[in-house]
Structures are given as structure tokens and as C-alpha cells.
Amino acid sequence: MTQIRIGDAARYLGVSDDTVRRWIDGGILASTKDPAGRLVVDAYELATLAHRNAVLPGDPSDIGRSARNRFVGIVTDVLQDTVMAQVELQCGPHRVVSLMSSEAVRDLGLKKGSIAIAVIKATTVIIETPGGKA
């Protein structure tokens, strides 16, 4: 189970830390504590919430590229067979869907709750993850 710190969860959803804490206090989002005692939320549950709500955060990758259409978001669905996969991201208010090889999904470690960046150039959608991993 991937856990996401409150500040990161807020950044990925485009809301304040206080908003995430209010959601936790209001029972909208469950939280636990990590081994260091910090409040964290489950990435899958966050992906589900992101699918219902949305605002676009900045690109955390710090990678220069010619494609200007970059959308940071949370993977909300991965459908795959042995060869091909369909990956769905909720990027703020935008739903982005990419078709790629199942090998690419495995290499990037993409699963529901993963943080990823959709890079769109012409009609191609390329999914990246910060540091090459989810």
C-alpha cells in the first residue's frame, strides 16, 4: 500500500494542507501514521477522491522538454492484458487516458494511486513518473 503525506496529497489535488486535514476530520478521507509518526493517506483512496474532485498542480519532475502539455495527476485506472494497457489519470479537472505497452506499465510501476505526469505532444500521450518510479 502506497502512503502519501498530507502536504503531497494536497499538492496533487490542488488544495491546501488544511483542506486535506478537514477531509480527514470530516471522514471524507481516511488517514494513518507512517513509521515516523507523520499523518499519511492511502494512495488508492486518494486516487478515488481525486477522481471525484480536481485541480491541476505544478509539474514536480523539473525536466525540460519541448512538449508544453504536461498534466500531473494520479492514476485512477489501469486496464491491461499481456501486450497492451490503458492507463487513466485524473489531472486536476482533466481525465487523461493513454494506451501503452504492458511492459511500459510494469517498467514505470503504474498502478491505481501512482503519481504520474501525462506529456501530450500532437496525438501521442506519454506517461512519466517522478524519478522514473511511481
C-alpha atoms as a PDB file:
ATOM      1  CA  MET A   1       0.000   0.000   0.000  1.00  0.00           C
ATOM      2  CA  THR A   2       1.460   3.363  -1.062  1.00  0.00           C
ATOM      3  CA  GLN A   3       1.103   6.119   1.518  1.00  0.00           C
ATOM      4  CA  ILE A   4       1.157   9.812   0.668  1.00  0.00           C
ATOM      5  CA  ARG A   5       1.952  12.593   3.130  1.00  0.00           C
ATOM      6  CA  ILE A   6      -0.674  15.273   3.703  1.00  0.00           C
ATOM      7  CA  GLY A   7       1.326  18.045   2.000  1.00  0.00           C
ATOM      8  CA  ASP A   8       1.903  15.908  -1.099  1.00  0.00           C
ATOM      9  CA  ALA A   9      -1.742  14.819  -1.193  1.00  0.00           C
ATOM     10  CA  ALA A  10      -2.767  18.479  -1.059  1.00  0.00           C
ATOM     11  CA  ARG A  11      -0.356  19.388  -3.864  1.00  0.00           C
ATOM     12  CA  TYR A  12      -1.543  16.541  -6.119  1.00  0.00           C
ATOM     13  CA  LEU A  13      -5.177  17.567  -5.653  1.00  0.00           C
ATOM     14  CA  GLY A  14      -4.531  21.316  -5.889  1.00  0.00           C
ATOM     15  CA  VAL A  15      -5.881  22.093  -2.416  1.00  0.00           C
ATOM     16  CA  SER A  16      -4.354  23.271   0.862  1.00  0.00           C
ATOM     17  CA  ASP A  17      -2.968  21.026   3.610  1.00  0.00           C
ATOM     18  CA  ASP A  18      -5.800  22.337   5.802  1.00  0.00           C
ATOM     19  CA  THR A  19      -8.377  21.159   3.266  1.00  0.00           C
ATOM     20  CA  VAL A  20      -6.939  17.623   3.324  1.00  0.00           C
ATOM     21  CA  ARG A  21      -6.957  17.705   7.130  1.00  0.00           C
ATOM     22  CA  ARG A  22     -10.610  18.852   7.093  1.00  0.00           C
ATOM     23  CA  TRP A  23     -11.460  15.969   4.759  1.00  0.00           C
ATOM     24  CA  ILE A  24      -9.756  13.606   7.219  1.00  0.00           C
ATOM     25  CA  ASP A  25     -11.560  15.167  10.206  1.00  0.00           C
ATOM     26  CA  GLY A  26     -14.851  15.026   8.288  1.00  0.00           C
ATOM     27  CA  GLY A  27     -14.443  11.351   7.380  1.00  0.00           C
ATOM     28  CA  ILE A  28     -14.090  12.035   3.641  1.00  0.00           C
ATOM     29  CA  LEU A  29     -10.539  10.659   3.589  1.00  0.00           C
ATOM     30  CA  ALA A  30      -9.026   8.109   5.981  1.00  0.00           C
ATOM     31  CA  SER A  31      -5.533   8.596   7.388  1.00  0.00           C
ATOM     32  CA  THR A  32      -2.906   6.636   9.301  1.00  0.00           C
ATOM     33  CA  LYS A  33       0.551   7.450  10.681  1.00  0.00           C
ATOM     34  CA  ASP A  34       3.762   6.399   8.980  1.00  0.00           C
ATOM     35  CA  PRO A  35       6.683   4.881  10.948  1.00  0.00           C
ATOM     36  CA  ALA A  36       7.980   8.426  11.667  1.00  0.00           C
ATOM     37  CA  GLY A  37       4.599   9.395  13.178  1.00  0.00           C
ATOM     38  CA  ARG A  38       3.545  11.646  10.272  1.00  0.00           C
ATOM     39  CA  LEU A  39      -0.038  11.671   9.043  1.00  0.00           C
ATOM     40  CA  VAL A  40      -0.444   9.888   5.680  1.00  0.00           C
ATOM     41  CA  VAL A  41      -3.295   8.825   3.400  1.00  0.00           C
ATOM     42  CA  ASP A  42      -3.652   5.737   1.224  1.00  0.00           C
ATOM     43  CA  ALA A  43      -2.740   6.451  -2.413  1.00  0.00           C
ATOM     44  CA  TYR A  44      -5.583   4.345  -3.794  1.00  0.00           C
ATOM     45  CA  GLU A  45      -8.144   6.137  -1.634  1.00  0.00           C
ATOM     46  CA  LEU A  46      -6.619   9.462  -2.696  1.00  0.00           C
ATOM     47  CA  ALA A  47      -6.929   8.415  -6.351  1.00  0.00           C
ATOM     48  CA  THR A  48     -10.608   7.682  -5.778  1.00  0.00           C
ATOM     49  CA  LEU A  49     -11.118  11.103  -4.167  1.00  0.00           C
ATOM     50  CA  ALA A  50      -9.146  12.777  -6.984  1.00  0.00           C
ATOM     51  CA  HIS A  51     -11.458  11.146  -9.476  1.00  0.00           C
ATOM     52  CA  ARG A  52     -14.390  12.875  -7.771  1.00  0.00           C
ATOM     53  CA  ASN A  53     -12.644  16.260  -7.185  1.00  0.00           C
ATOM     54  CA  ALA A  54      -9.908  18.029  -9.150  1.00  0.00           C
ATOM     55  CA  VAL A  55      -7.487  20.998  -9.611  1.00  0.00           C
ATOM     56  CA  LEU A  56      -4.171  20.928 -11.559  1.00  0.00           C
ATOM     57  CA  PRO A  57      -0.858  21.098  -9.568  1.00  0.00           C
ATOM     58  CA  GLY A  58       2.524  22.117 -10.992  1.00  0.00           C
ATOM     59  CA  ASP A  59       4.908  19.653 -12.653  1.00  0.00           C
ATOM     60  CA  PRO A  60       7.222  18.163  -9.952  1.00  0.00           C
ATOM     61  CA  SER A  61       9.619  16.498 -12.404  1.00  0.00           C
ATOM     62  CA  ASP A  62      11.826  19.531 -13.122  1.00  0.00           C
ATOM     63  CA  ILE A  63      12.520  18.094 -16.585  1.00  0.00           C
ATOM     64  CA  GLY A  64      12.865  20.383 -19.597  1.00  0.00           C
ATOM     65  CA  ARG A  65      11.004  19.202 -22.691  1.00  0.00           C
ATOM     66  CA  SER A  66       9.537  20.591 -25.873  1.00  0.00           C
ATOM     67  CA  ALA A  67       6.016  19.315 -25.196  1.00  0.00           C
ATOM     68  CA  ARG A  68       4.079  22.073 -23.441  1.00  0.00           C
ATOM     69  CA  ASN A  69       1.087  19.977 -22.473  1.00  0.00           C
ATOM     70  CA  ARG A  70       2.018  18.321 -19.153  1.00  0.00           C
ATOM     71  CA  PHE A  71      -0.558  17.210 -16.665  1.00  0.00           C
ATOM     72  CA  VAL A  72       0.411  15.981 -13.204  1.00  0.00           C
ATOM     73  CA  GLY A  73      -2.078  13.625 -11.692  1.00  0.00           C
ATOM     74  CA  ILE A  74      -2.977  10.397 -10.009  1.00  0.00           C
ATOM     75  CA  VAL A  75      -3.512   7.105 -11.805  1.00  0.00           C
ATOM     76  CA  THR A  76      -7.169   6.207 -11.358  1.00  0.00           C
ATOM     77  CA  ASP A  77      -7.329   3.067 -13.512  1.00  0.00           C
ATOM     78  CA  VAL A  78      -5.042   0.592 -15.288  1.00  0.00           C
ATOM     79  CA  LEU A  79      -6.524  -1.985 -17.666  1.00  0.00           C
ATOM     80  CA  GLN A  80      -4.016  -4.342 -19.211  1.00  0.00           C
ATOM     81  CA  ASP A  81      -3.574  -7.659 -20.938  1.00  0.00           C
ATOM     82  CA  THR A  82      -0.288  -9.379 -21.799  1.00  0.00           C
ATOM     83  CA  VAL A  83       0.666  -6.885 -24.531  1.00  0.00           C
ATOM     84  CA  MET A  84      -1.206  -3.581 -24.187  1.00  0.00           C
ATOM     85  CA  ALA A  85      -2.553  -1.381 -21.398  1.00  0.00           C
ATOM     86  CA  GLN A  86      -4.866   1.580 -20.928  1.00  0.00           C
ATOM     87  CA  VAL A  87      -3.847   3.977 -18.150  1.00  0.00           C
ATOM     88  CA  GLU A  88      -6.241   6.632 -16.864  1.00  0.00           C
ATOM     89  CA  LEU A  89      -5.085   9.676 -14.895  1.00  0.00           C
ATOM     90  CA  GLN A  90      -7.106  12.321 -13.089  1.00  0.00           C
ATOM     91  CA  CYS A  91      -5.104  15.522 -13.602  1.00  0.00           C
ATOM     92  CA  GLY A  92      -6.972  18.236 -11.769  1.00  0.00           C
ATOM     93  CA  PRO A  93     -10.260  18.567 -13.621  1.00  0.00           C
ATOM     94  CA  HIS A  94      -8.851  16.619 -16.593  1.00  0.00           C
ATOM     95  CA  ARG A  95      -9.156  12.915 -17.300  1.00  0.00           C
ATOM     96  CA  VAL A  96      -6.230  11.762 -19.433  1.00  0.00           C
ATOM     97  CA  VAL A  97      -6.116   8.296 -20.989  1.00  0.00           C
ATOM     98  CA  SER A  98      -3.023   6.734 -22.532  1.00  0.00           C
ATOM     99  CA  LEU A  99      -2.565   3.491 -24.446  1.00  0.00           C
ATOM    100  CA  MET A 100       0.853   1.899 -23.974  1.00  0.00           C
ATOM    101  CA  SER A 101       2.530  -1.468 -23.755  1.00  0.00           C
ATOM    102  CA  SER A 102       2.015  -3.561 -20.643  1.00  0.00           C
ATOM    103  CA  GLU A 103       5.815  -3.638 -20.411  1.00  0.00           C
ATOM    104  CA  ALA A 104       5.853   0.177 -20.043  1.00  0.00           C
ATOM    105  CA  VAL A 105       3.246  -0.043 -17.263  1.00  0.00           C
ATOM    106  CA  ARG A 106       5.433  -2.562 -15.432  1.00  0.00           C
ATOM    107  CA  ASP A 107       8.642  -0.554 -16.029  1.00  0.00           C
ATOM    108  CA  LEU A 108       7.054   2.638 -14.671  1.00  0.00           C
ATOM    109  CA  GLY A 109       5.371   0.810 -11.795  1.00  0.00           C
ATOM    110  CA  LEU A 110       1.998   2.326 -12.702  1.00  0.00           C
ATOM    111  CA  LYS A 111      -0.995   1.299 -10.596  1.00  0.00           C
ATOM    112  CA  LYS A 112      -4.034   2.975  -9.073  1.00  0.00           C
ATOM    113  CA  GLY A 113      -2.780   5.699  -6.769  1.00  0.00           C
ATOM    114  CA  SER A 114       0.555   6.229  -8.563  1.00  0.00           C
ATOM    115  CA  ILE A 115       1.600   9.818  -9.187  1.00  0.00           C
ATOM    116  CA  ALA A 116       2.370  10.363 -12.855  1.00  0.00           C
ATOM    117  CA  ILE A 117       2.751  13.083 -15.484  1.00  0.00           C
ATOM    118  CA  ALA A 118       0.918  12.958 -18.818  1.00  0.00           C
ATOM    119  CA  VAL A 119       3.054  14.595 -21.524  1.00  0.00           C
ATOM    120  CA  ILE A 120       0.980  15.341 -24.607  1.00  0.00           C
ATOM    121  CA  LYS A 121       2.568  16.115 -27.976  1.00  0.00           C
ATOM    122  CA  ALA A 122       0.295  16.052 -31.013  1.00  0.00           C
ATOM    123  CA  THR A 123      -1.844  12.908 -30.707  1.00  0.00           C
ATOM    124  CA  THR A 124       0.594  10.951 -28.510  1.00  0.00           C
ATOM    125  CA  VAL A 125       0.233  10.738 -24.727  1.00  0.00           C
ATOM    126  CA  ILE A 126       3.375   9.687 -22.848  1.00  0.00           C
ATOM    127  CA  ILE A 127       3.204   8.882 -19.135  1.00  0.00           C
ATOM    128  CA  GLU A 128       6.172   9.732 -16.888  1.00  0.00           C
ATOM    129  CA  THR A 129       6.728   9.256 -13.187  1.00  0.00           C
ATOM    130  CA  PRO A 130       8.924  11.425 -10.931  1.00  0.00           C
ATOM    131  CA  GLY A 131      12.369   9.841 -10.704  1.00  0.00           C
ATOM    132  CA  GLY A 132      11.287   7.112 -13.119  1.00  0.00           C
ATOM    133  CA  LYS A 133       9.214   5.284 -10.485  1.00  0.00           C
ATOM    134  CA  ALA A 134       5.702   5.606  -9.116  1.00  0.00           C
END
